[in-house]
Amino acid sequence: MDSNLKASLKTLHTKLASAGPVDEELQPLLKQLDGDIKQLLTRGEAAATEGDTTTYGLAERTQEISAKFAAQHPQLEPALRELGTILASMGI
C-alpha cells in the first residue's frame, strides 16, 4: 500500500507543478497534508492506526481539499481523490 501512496503523492506533486498558482487558502492545507503523509510514510502505517492525531483523518482532509480544488483546478481533483481513497483504504 505504501508504494501506491507514494506513487499517488508523486503524481499529485507533478500535477501541482504544472497547474499554475494555487489559491493562498489551499497552499497551507496542501503543505500540511503533504507533510503529514510524508511523516506517515516515514514512521509506517502502524503509527496511524495507533491513533496518532497528526495522521488521524488524513483521508477526510484529503477529500475536503479535493472538493475545494474541484472548482479552481479540476485537473488536480482526480489525483487528490485517488490519494484520499488510498488513505481511506489504509484506515487513516
PDB file of N, CA and C in Angstrom:
ATOM      1  N   MET A   1       0.827  -1.190   0.000  1.00  0.00           N
ATOM      2  CA  MET A   1       0.000   0.000   0.000  1.00  0.00           C
ATOM      3  C   MET A   1       0.872   1.254   0.000  1.00  0.00           C
ATOM      4  N   ASP A   2       2.034   1.198   0.685  1.00  0.00           N
ATOM      5  CA  ASP A   2       2.929   2.363   0.705  1.00  0.00           C
ATOM      6  C   ASP A   2       3.343   2.776  -0.695  1.00  0.00           C
ATOM      7  N   SER A   3       3.590   1.792  -1.576  1.00  0.00           N
ATOM      8  CA  SER A   3       4.021   2.134  -2.933  1.00  0.00           C
ATOM      9  C   SER A   3       2.913   2.860  -3.692  1.00  0.00           C
ATOM     10  N   ASN A   4       1.646   2.448  -3.471  1.00  0.00           N
ATOM     11  CA  ASN A   4       0.524   3.161  -4.097  1.00  0.00           C
ATOM     12  C   ASN A   4       0.429   4.585  -3.581  1.00  0.00           C
ATOM     13  N   LEU A   5       0.612   4.745  -2.281  1.00  0.00           N
ATOM     14  CA  LEU A   5       0.547   6.068  -1.671  1.00  0.00           C
ATOM     15  C   LEU A   5       1.664   6.958  -2.194  1.00  0.00           C
ATOM     16  N   LYS A   6       2.868   6.415  -2.271  1.00  0.00           N
ATOM     17  CA  LYS A   6       3.998   7.187  -2.787  1.00  0.00           C
ATOM     18  C   LYS A   6       3.770   7.583  -4.243  1.00  0.00           C
ATOM     19  N   ALA A   7       3.271   6.651  -5.049  1.00  0.00           N
ATOM     20  CA  ALA A   7       3.021   6.933  -6.467  1.00  0.00           C
ATOM     21  C   ALA A   7       1.940   7.999  -6.617  1.00  0.00           C
ATOM     22  N   SER A   8       0.900   7.907  -5.819  1.00  0.00           N
ATOM     23  CA  SER A   8      -0.184   8.891  -5.879  1.00  0.00           C
ATOM     24  C   SER A   8       0.310  10.264  -5.455  1.00  0.00           C
ATOM     25  N   LEU A   9       1.115  10.319  -4.409  1.00  0.00           N
ATOM     26  CA  LEU A   9       1.670  11.587  -3.946  1.00  0.00           C
ATOM     27  C   LEU A   9       2.591  12.191  -5.007  1.00  0.00           C
ATOM     28  N   LYS A  10       3.380  11.354  -5.668  1.00  0.00           N
ATOM     29  CA  LYS A  10       4.268  11.836  -6.724  1.00  0.00           C
ATOM     30  C   LYS A  10       3.458  12.396  -7.894  1.00  0.00           C
ATOM     31  N   THR A  11       2.382  11.709  -8.261  1.00  0.00           N
ATOM     32  CA  THR A  11       1.506  12.184  -9.333  1.00  0.00           C
ATOM     33  C   THR A  11       0.912  13.540  -8.976  1.00  0.00           C
ATOM     34  N   LEU A  12       0.472  13.664  -7.739  1.00  0.00           N
ATOM     35  CA  LEU A  12      -0.103  14.926  -7.287  1.00  0.00           C
ATOM     36  C   LEU A  12       0.926  16.051  -7.361  1.00  0.00           C
ATOM     37  N   HIS A  13       2.162  15.787  -6.925  1.00  0.00           N
ATOM     38  CA  HIS A  13       3.222  16.804  -6.991  1.00  0.00           C
ATOM     39  C   HIS A  13       3.463  17.238  -8.434  1.00  0.00           C
ATOM     40  N   THR A  14       3.482  16.275  -9.349  1.00  0.00           N
ATOM     41  CA  THR A  14       3.708  16.579 -10.760  1.00  0.00           C
ATOM     42  C   THR A  14       2.583  17.456 -11.310  1.00  0.00           C
ATOM     43  N   LYS A  15       1.348  17.100 -10.975  1.00  0.00           N
ATOM     44  CA  LYS A  15       0.208  17.883 -11.462  1.00  0.00           C
ATOM     45  C   LYS A  15       0.174  19.268 -10.830  1.00  0.00           C
ATOM     46  N   LEU A  16       0.551  19.361  -9.562  1.00  0.00           N
ATOM     47  CA  LEU A  16       0.595  20.675  -8.906  1.00  0.00           C
ATOM     48  C   LEU A  16       1.626  21.581  -9.566  1.00  0.00           C
ATOM     49  N   ALA A  17       2.760  20.995  -9.945  1.00  0.00           N
ATOM     50  CA  ALA A  17       3.825  21.786 -10.565  1.00  0.00           C
ATOM     51  C   ALA A  17       3.378  22.388 -11.893  1.00  0.00           C
ATOM     52  N   SER A  18       2.498  21.698 -12.593  1.00  0.00           N
ATOM     53  CA  SER A  18       2.063  22.194 -13.893  1.00  0.00           C
ATOM     54  C   SER A  18       0.713  22.900 -13.851  1.00  0.00           C
ATOM     55  N   ALA A  19       0.105  23.003 -12.687  1.00  0.00           N
ATOM     56  CA  ALA A  19      -1.244  23.563 -12.575  1.00  0.00           C
ATOM     57  C   ALA A  19      -1.281  25.077 -12.507  1.00  0.00           C
ATOM     58  N   GLY A  20      -0.166  25.696 -12.259  1.00  0.00           N
ATOM     59  CA  GLY A  20      -0.180  27.146 -12.108  1.00  0.00           C
ATOM     60  C   GLY A  20      -0.360  27.512 -10.644  1.00  0.00           C
ATOM     61  N   PRO A  21      -0.602  28.791 -10.381  1.00  0.00           N
ATOM     62  CA  PRO A  21      -0.701  29.240  -8.991  1.00  0.00           C
ATOM     63  C   PRO A  21      -1.879  28.596  -8.253  1.00  0.00           C
ATOM     64  N   VAL A  22      -1.617  28.276  -7.004  1.00  0.00           N
ATOM     65  CA  VAL A  22      -2.631  27.663  -6.143  1.00  0.00           C
ATOM     66  C   VAL A  22      -3.152  28.733  -5.193  1.00  0.00           C
ATOM     67  N   ASP A  23      -4.432  28.711  -4.951  1.00  0.00           N
ATOM     68  CA  ASP A  23      -5.104  29.646  -4.056  1.00  0.00           C
ATOM     69  C   ASP A  23      -4.366  29.722  -2.715  1.00  0.00           C
ATOM     70  N   GLU A  24      -4.217  30.935  -2.171  1.00  0.00           N
ATOM     71  CA  GLU A  24      -3.492  31.135  -0.910  1.00  0.00           C
ATOM     72  C   GLU A  24      -4.114  30.380   0.249  1.00  0.00           C
ATOM     73  N   GLU A  25      -5.413  30.154   0.216  1.00  0.00           N
ATOM     74  CA  GLU A  25      -6.086  29.407   1.272  1.00  0.00           C
ATOM     75  C   GLU A  25      -5.724  27.921   1.209  1.00  0.00           C
ATOM     76  N   LEU A  26      -5.510  27.407  -0.004  1.00  0.00           N
ATOM     77  CA  LEU A  26      -5.239  25.988  -0.170  1.00  0.00           C
ATOM     78  C   LEU A  26      -3.770  25.621   0.008  1.00  0.00           C
ATOM     79  N   GLN A  27      -2.865  26.558  -0.213  1.00  0.00           N
ATOM     80  CA  GLN A  27      -1.442  26.265  -0.092  1.00  0.00           C
ATOM     81  C   GLN A  27      -1.071  25.678   1.268  1.00  0.00           C
ATOM     82  N   PRO A  28      -1.446  26.303   2.380  1.00  0.00           N
ATOM     83  CA  PRO A  28      -1.066  25.724   3.667  1.00  0.00           C
ATOM     84  C   PRO A  28      -1.733  24.373   3.932  1.00  0.00           C
ATOM     85  N   LEU A  29      -2.949  24.191   3.430  1.00  0.00           N
ATOM     86  CA  LEU A  29      -3.620  22.898   3.597  1.00  0.00           C
ATOM     87  C   LEU A  29      -2.867  21.797   2.866  1.00  0.00           C
ATOM     88  N   LEU A  30      -2.425  22.106   1.654  1.00  0.00           N
ATOM     89  CA  LEU A  30      -1.668  21.128   0.879  1.00  0.00           C
ATOM     90  C   LEU A  30      -0.313  20.831   1.518  1.00  0.00           C
ATOM     91  N   LYS A  31       0.355  21.865   2.003  1.00  0.00           N
ATOM     92  CA  LYS A  31       1.656  21.660   2.645  1.00  0.00           C
ATOM     93  C   LYS A  31       1.521  20.802   3.903  1.00  0.00           C
ATOM     94  N   GLN A  32       0.478  21.063   4.690  1.00  0.00           N
ATOM     95  CA  GLN A  32       0.258  20.271   5.904  1.00  0.00           C
ATOM     96  C   GLN A  32      -0.063  18.825   5.542  1.00  0.00           C
ATOM     97  N   LEU A  33      -0.924  18.633   4.547  1.00  0.00           N
ATOM     98  CA  LEU A  33      -1.281  17.290   4.109  1.00  0.00           C
ATOM     99  C   LEU A  33      -0.060  16.549   3.599  1.00  0.00           C
ATOM    100  N   ASP A  34       0.759  17.221   2.793  1.00  0.00           N
ATOM    101  CA  ASP A  34       1.974  16.619   2.262  1.00  0.00           C
ATOM    102  C   ASP A  34       2.916  16.204   3.398  1.00  0.00           C
ATOM    103  N   GLY A  35       3.111  17.091   4.355  1.00  0.00           N
ATOM    104  CA  GLY A  35       3.984  16.777   5.489  1.00  0.00           C
ATOM    105  C   GLY A  35       3.459  15.617   6.314  1.00  0.00           C
ATOM    106  N   ASP A  36       2.151  15.587   6.542  1.00  0.00           N
ATOM    107  CA  ASP A  36       1.559  14.503   7.323  1.00  0.00           C
ATOM    108  C   ASP A  36       1.699  13.157   6.610  1.00  0.00           C
ATOM    109  N   ILE A  37       1.513  13.151   5.288  1.00  0.00           N
ATOM    110  CA  ILE A  37       1.647  11.906   4.533  1.00  0.00           C
ATOM    111  C   ILE A  37       3.099  11.448   4.517  1.00  0.00           C
ATOM    112  N   LYS A  38       4.026  12.379   4.334  1.00  0.00           N
ATOM    113  CA  LYS A  38       5.447  12.003   4.361  1.00  0.00           C
ATOM    114  C   LYS A  38       5.835  11.459   5.736  1.00  0.00           C
ATOM    115  N   GLN A  39       5.291  12.065   6.793  1.00  0.00           N
ATOM    116  CA  GLN A  39       5.553  11.580   8.147  1.00  0.00           C
ATOM    117  C   GLN A  39       4.988  10.167   8.312  1.00  0.00           C
ATOM    118  N   LEU A  40       3.814   9.939   7.785  1.00  0.00           N
ATOM    119  CA  LEU A  40       3.192   8.623   7.843  1.00  0.00           C
ATOM    120  C   LEU A  40       4.057   7.594   7.136  1.00  0.00           C
ATOM    121  N   LEU A  41       4.559   7.936   5.961  1.00  0.00           N
ATOM    122  CA  LEU A  41       5.397   7.015   5.203  1.00  0.00           C
ATOM    123  C   LEU A  41       6.712   6.732   5.932  1.00  0.00           C
ATOM    124  N   THR A  42       7.238   7.736   6.611  1.00  0.00           N
ATOM    125  CA  THR A  42       8.488   7.566   7.341  1.00  0.00           C
ATOM    126  C   THR A  42       8.316   6.661   8.561  1.00  0.00           C
ATOM    127  N   ARG A  43       7.236   6.899   9.305  1.00  0.00           N
ATOM    128  CA  ARG A  43       7.004   6.142  10.538  1.00  0.00           C
ATOM    129  C   ARG A  43       6.297   4.821  10.316  1.00  0.00           C
ATOM    130  N   GLY A  44       5.625   4.702   9.206  1.00  0.00           N
ATOM    131  CA  GLY A  44       4.921   3.470   8.895  1.00  0.00           C
ATOM    132  C   GLY A  44       3.454   3.539   9.231  1.00  0.00           C
ATOM    133  N   GLU A  45       2.724   2.624   8.662  1.00  0.00           N
ATOM    134  CA  GLU A  45       1.272   2.564   8.799  1.00  0.00           C
ATOM    135  C   GLU A  45       0.847   2.303  10.236  1.00  0.00           C
ATOM    136  N   ALA A  46       1.670   1.625  11.019  1.00  0.00           N
ATOM    137  CA  ALA A  46       1.306   1.281  12.399  1.00  0.00           C
ATOM    138  C   ALA A  46       1.040   2.524  13.234  1.00  0.00           C
ATOM    139  N   ALA A  47       1.820   3.567  13.044  1.00  0.00           N
ATOM    140  CA  ALA A  47       1.641   4.790  13.827  1.00  0.00           C
ATOM    141  C   ALA A  47       0.269   5.399  13.581  1.00  0.00           C
ATOM    142  N   ALA A  48      -0.206   5.332  12.358  1.00  0.00           N
ATOM    143  CA  ALA A  48      -1.505   5.912  12.025  1.00  0.00           C
ATOM    144  C   ALA A  48      -2.645   5.130  12.656  1.00  0.00           C
ATOM    145  N   THR A  49      -2.513   3.823  12.676  1.00  0.00           N
ATOM    146  CA  THR A  49      -3.594   3.003  13.211  1.00  0.00           C
ATOM    147  C   THR A  49      -3.591   2.980  14.734  1.00  0.00           C
ATOM    148  N   GLU A  50      -2.554   3.490  15.364  1.00  0.00           N
ATOM    149  CA  GLU A  50      -2.486   3.548  16.827  1.00  0.00           C
ATOM    150  C   GLU A  50      -3.105   4.831  17.360  1.00  0.00           C
ATOM    151  N   GLY A  51      -3.760   5.599  16.511  1.00  0.00           N
ATOM    152  CA  GLY A  51      -4.453   6.797  16.974  1.00  0.00           C
ATOM    153  C   GLY A  51      -3.613   8.053  16.964  1.00  0.00           C
ATOM    154  N   ASP A  52      -2.581   8.109  16.169  1.00  0.00           N
ATOM    155  CA  ASP A  52      -1.753   9.309  16.041  1.00  0.00           C
ATOM    156  C   ASP A  52      -2.629  10.466  15.573  1.00  0.00           C
ATOM    157  N   THR A  53      -2.645  11.560  16.326  1.00  0.00           N
ATOM    158  CA  THR A  53      -3.530  12.678  15.990  1.00  0.00           C
ATOM    159  C   THR A  53      -3.081  13.418  14.735  1.00  0.00           C
ATOM    160  N   THR A  54      -1.811  13.339  14.373  1.00  0.00           N
ATOM    161  CA  THR A  54      -1.324  14.010  13.175  1.00  0.00           C
ATOM    162  C   THR A  54      -1.890  13.359  11.922  1.00  0.00           C
ATOM    163  N   THR A  55      -1.977  12.041  11.927  1.00  0.00           N
ATOM    164  CA  THR A  55      -2.432  11.337  10.737  1.00  0.00           C
ATOM    165  C   THR A  55      -3.917  11.003  10.786  1.00  0.00           C
ATOM    166  N   TYR A  56      -4.555  11.196  11.917  1.00  0.00           N
ATOM    167  CA  TYR A  56      -5.975  10.890  12.026  1.00  0.00           C
ATOM    168  C   TYR A  56      -6.774  11.772  11.078  1.00  0.00           C
ATOM    169  N   GLY A  57      -7.618  11.153  10.289  1.00  0.00           N
ATOM    170  CA  GLY A  57      -8.475  11.911   9.388  1.00  0.00           C
ATOM    171  C   GLY A  57      -7.804  12.386   8.113  1.00  0.00           C
ATOM    172  N   LEU A  58      -6.658  11.823   7.762  1.00  0.00           N
ATOM    173  CA  LEU A  58      -5.984  12.257   6.535  1.00  0.00           C
ATOM    174  C   LEU A  58      -6.871  12.039   5.313  1.00  0.00           C
ATOM    175  N   ALA A  59      -7.569  10.921   5.272  1.00  0.00           N
ATOM    176  CA  ALA A  59      -8.444  10.643   4.124  1.00  0.00           C
ATOM    177  C   ALA A  59      -9.530  11.707   4.019  1.00  0.00           C
ATOM    178  N   GLU A  60     -10.136  12.050   5.154  1.00  0.00           N
ATOM    179  CA  GLU A  60     -11.194  13.057   5.140  1.00  0.00           C
ATOM    180  C   GLU A  60     -10.658  14.429   4.754  1.00  0.00           C
ATOM    181  N   ARG A  61      -9.488  14.780   5.295  1.00  0.00           N
ATOM    182  CA  ARG A  61      -8.893  16.082   4.942  1.00  0.00           C
ATOM    183  C   ARG A  61      -8.559  16.131   3.461  1.00  0.00           C
ATOM    184  N   THR A  62      -8.073  15.016   2.924  1.00  0.00           N
ATOM    185  CA  THR A  62      -7.750  14.960   1.502  1.00  0.00           C
ATOM    186  C   THR A  62      -9.002  15.165   0.664  1.00  0.00           C
ATOM    187  N   GLN A  63     -10.103  14.535   1.074  1.00  0.00           N
ATOM    188  CA  GLN A  63     -11.361  14.686   0.336  1.00  0.00           C
ATOM    189  C   GLN A  63     -11.871  16.129   0.413  1.00  0.00           C
ATOM    190  N   GLU A  64     -11.714  16.765   1.568  1.00  0.00           N
ATOM    191  CA  GLU A  64     -12.147  18.163   1.707  1.00  0.00           C
ATOM    192  C   GLU A  64     -11.334  19.077   0.790  1.00  0.00           C
ATOM    193  N   ILE A  65     -10.028  18.876   0.756  1.00  0.00           N
ATOM    194  CA  ILE A  65      -9.165  19.678  -0.115  1.00  0.00           C
ATOM    195  C   ILE A  65      -9.531  19.406  -1.577  1.00  0.00           C
ATOM    196  N   SER A  66      -9.804  18.148  -1.891  1.00  0.00           N
ATOM    197  CA  SER A  66     -10.191  17.776  -3.247  1.00  0.00           C
ATOM    198  C   SER A  66     -11.434  18.532  -3.690  1.00  0.00           C
ATOM    199  N   ALA A  67     -12.406  18.632  -2.801  1.00  0.00           N
ATOM    200  CA  ALA A  67     -13.641  19.355  -3.120  1.00  0.00           C
ATOM    201  C   ALA A  67     -13.359  20.831  -3.382  1.00  0.00           C
ATOM    202  N   LYS A  68     -12.448  21.427  -2.617  1.00  0.00           N
ATOM    203  CA  LYS A  68     -12.107  22.828  -2.820  1.00  0.00           C
ATOM    204  C   LYS A  68     -11.370  23.040  -4.143  1.00  0.00           C
ATOM    205  N   PHE A  69     -10.553  22.059  -4.524  1.00  0.00           N
ATOM    206  CA  PHE A  69      -9.793  22.160  -5.759  1.00  0.00           C
ATOM    207  C   PHE A  69     -10.658  21.932  -6.991  1.00  0.00           C
ATOM    208  N   ALA A  70     -11.743  21.201  -6.847  1.00  0.00           N
ATOM    209  CA  ALA A  70     -12.559  20.811  -7.994  1.00  0.00           C
ATOM    210  C   ALA A  70     -12.980  22.008  -8.841  1.00  0.00           C
ATOM    211  N   ALA A  71     -13.329  23.108  -8.213  1.00  0.00           N
ATOM    212  CA  ALA A  71     -13.790  24.281  -8.949  1.00  0.00           C
ATOM    213  C   ALA A  71     -12.635  25.043  -9.605  1.00  0.00           C
ATOM    214  N   GLN A  72     -11.542  25.243  -8.855  1.00  0.00           N
ATOM    215  CA  GLN A  72     -10.450  26.079  -9.355  1.00  0.00           C
ATOM    216  C   GLN A  72      -9.432  25.310 -10.194  1.00  0.00           C
ATOM    217  N   HIS A  73      -9.192  24.073  -9.850  1.00  0.00           N
ATOM    218  CA  HIS A  73      -8.177  23.262 -10.541  1.00  0.00           C
ATOM    219  C   HIS A  73      -8.742  21.872 -10.819  1.00  0.00           C
ATOM    220  N   PRO A  74      -9.662  21.763 -11.763  1.00  0.00           N
ATOM    221  CA  PRO A  74     -10.305  20.467 -11.999  1.00  0.00           C
ATOM    222  C   PRO A  74      -9.339  19.361 -12.402  1.00  0.00           C
ATOM    223  N   GLN A  75      -8.188  19.707 -12.958  1.00  0.00           N
ATOM    224  CA  GLN A  75      -7.221  18.695 -13.354  1.00  0.00           C
ATOM    225  C   GLN A  75      -6.529  18.048 -12.149  1.00  0.00           C
ATOM    226  N   LEU A  76      -6.552  18.717 -10.993  1.00  0.00           N
ATOM    227  CA  LEU A  76      -5.924  18.183  -9.787  1.00  0.00           C
ATOM    228  C   LEU A  76      -6.874  17.325  -8.952  1.00  0.00           C
ATOM    229  N   GLU A  77      -8.143  17.552  -9.103  1.00  0.00           N
ATOM    230  CA  GLU A  77      -9.134  16.880  -8.274  1.00  0.00           C
ATOM    231  C   GLU A  77      -9.046  15.350  -8.352  1.00  0.00           C
ATOM    232  N   PRO A  78      -8.880  14.741  -9.539  1.00  0.00           N
ATOM    233  CA  PRO A  78      -8.780  13.275  -9.573  1.00  0.00           C
ATOM    234  C   PRO A  78      -7.583  12.725  -8.788  1.00  0.00           C
ATOM    235  N   ALA A  79      -6.459  13.419  -8.837  1.00  0.00           N
ATOM    236  CA  ALA A  79      -5.271  12.958  -8.109  1.00  0.00           C
ATOM    237  C   ALA A  79      -5.498  13.041  -6.601  1.00  0.00           C
ATOM    238  N   LEU A  80      -6.129  14.118  -6.150  1.00  0.00           N
ATOM    239  CA  LEU A  80      -6.442  14.250  -4.722  1.00  0.00           C
ATOM    240  C   LEU A  80      -7.475  13.220  -4.291  1.00  0.00           C
ATOM    241  N   ARG A  81      -8.457  12.967  -5.141  1.00  0.00           N
ATOM    242  CA  ARG A  81      -9.482  11.972  -4.814  1.00  0.00           C
ATOM    243  C   ARG A  81      -8.855  10.587  -4.685  1.00  0.00           C
ATOM    244  N   GLU A  82      -7.932  10.254  -5.601  1.00  0.00           N
ATOM    245  CA  GLU A  82      -7.253   8.956  -5.552  1.00  0.00           C
ATOM    246  C   GLU A  82      -6.430   8.838  -4.270  1.00  0.00           C
ATOM    247  N   LEU A  83      -5.744   9.911  -3.914  1.00  0.00           N
ATOM    248  CA  LEU A  83      -4.954   9.919  -2.690  1.00  0.00           C
ATOM    249  C   LEU A  83      -5.851   9.675  -1.476  1.00  0.00           C
ATOM    250  N   GLY A  84      -6.991  10.337  -1.446  1.00  0.00           N
ATOM    251  CA  GLY A  84      -7.944  10.142  -0.353  1.00  0.00           C
ATOM    252  C   GLY A  84      -8.465   8.724  -0.285  1.00  0.00           C
ATOM    253  N   THR A  85      -8.706   8.127  -1.429  1.00  0.00           N
ATOM    254  CA  THR A  85      -9.191   6.747  -1.486  1.00  0.00           C
ATOM    255  C   THR A  85      -8.143   5.780  -0.941  1.00  0.00           C
ATOM    256  N   ILE A  86      -6.887   6.002  -1.304  1.00  0.00           N
ATOM    257  CA  ILE A  86      -5.803   5.156  -0.801  1.00  0.00           C
ATOM    258  C   ILE A  86      -5.695   5.274   0.702  1.00  0.00           C
ATOM    259  N   LEU A  87      -5.731   6.510   1.211  1.00  0.00           N
ATOM    260  CA  LEU A  87      -5.644   6.724   2.656  1.00  0.00           C
ATOM    261  C   LEU A  87      -6.822   6.077   3.386  1.00  0.00           C
ATOM    262  N   ALA A  88      -8.014   6.208   2.813  1.00  0.00           N
ATOM    263  CA  ALA A  88      -9.198   5.611   3.442  1.00  0.00           C
ATOM    264  C   ALA A  88      -9.090   4.098   3.473  1.00  0.00           C
ATOM    265  N   SER A  89      -8.561   3.505   2.411  1.00  0.00           N
ATOM    266  CA  SER A  89      -8.416   2.043   2.383  1.00  0.00           C
ATOM    267  C   SER A  89      -7.370   1.560   3.386  1.00  0.00           C
ATOM    268  N   MET A  90      -6.456   2.467   3.760  1.00  0.00           N
ATOM    269  CA  MET A  90      -5.455   2.123   4.785  1.00  0.00           C
ATOM    270  C   MET A  90      -6.020   2.332   6.184  1.00  0.00           C
ATOM    271  N   GLY A  91      -7.228   2.898   6.260  1.00  0.00           N
ATOM    272  CA  GLY A  91      -7.842   3.152   7.553  1.00  0.00           C
ATOM    273  C   GLY A  91      -7.324   4.392   8.236  1.00  0.00           C
ATOM    274  N   ILE A  92      -6.841   5.325   7.445  1.00  0.00           N
ATOM    275  CA  ILE A  92      -6.226   6.534   8.003  1.00  0.00           C
ATOM    276  C   ILE A  92      -7.167   7.710   7.864  1.00  0.00           C
TER     277      ILE A  92
END
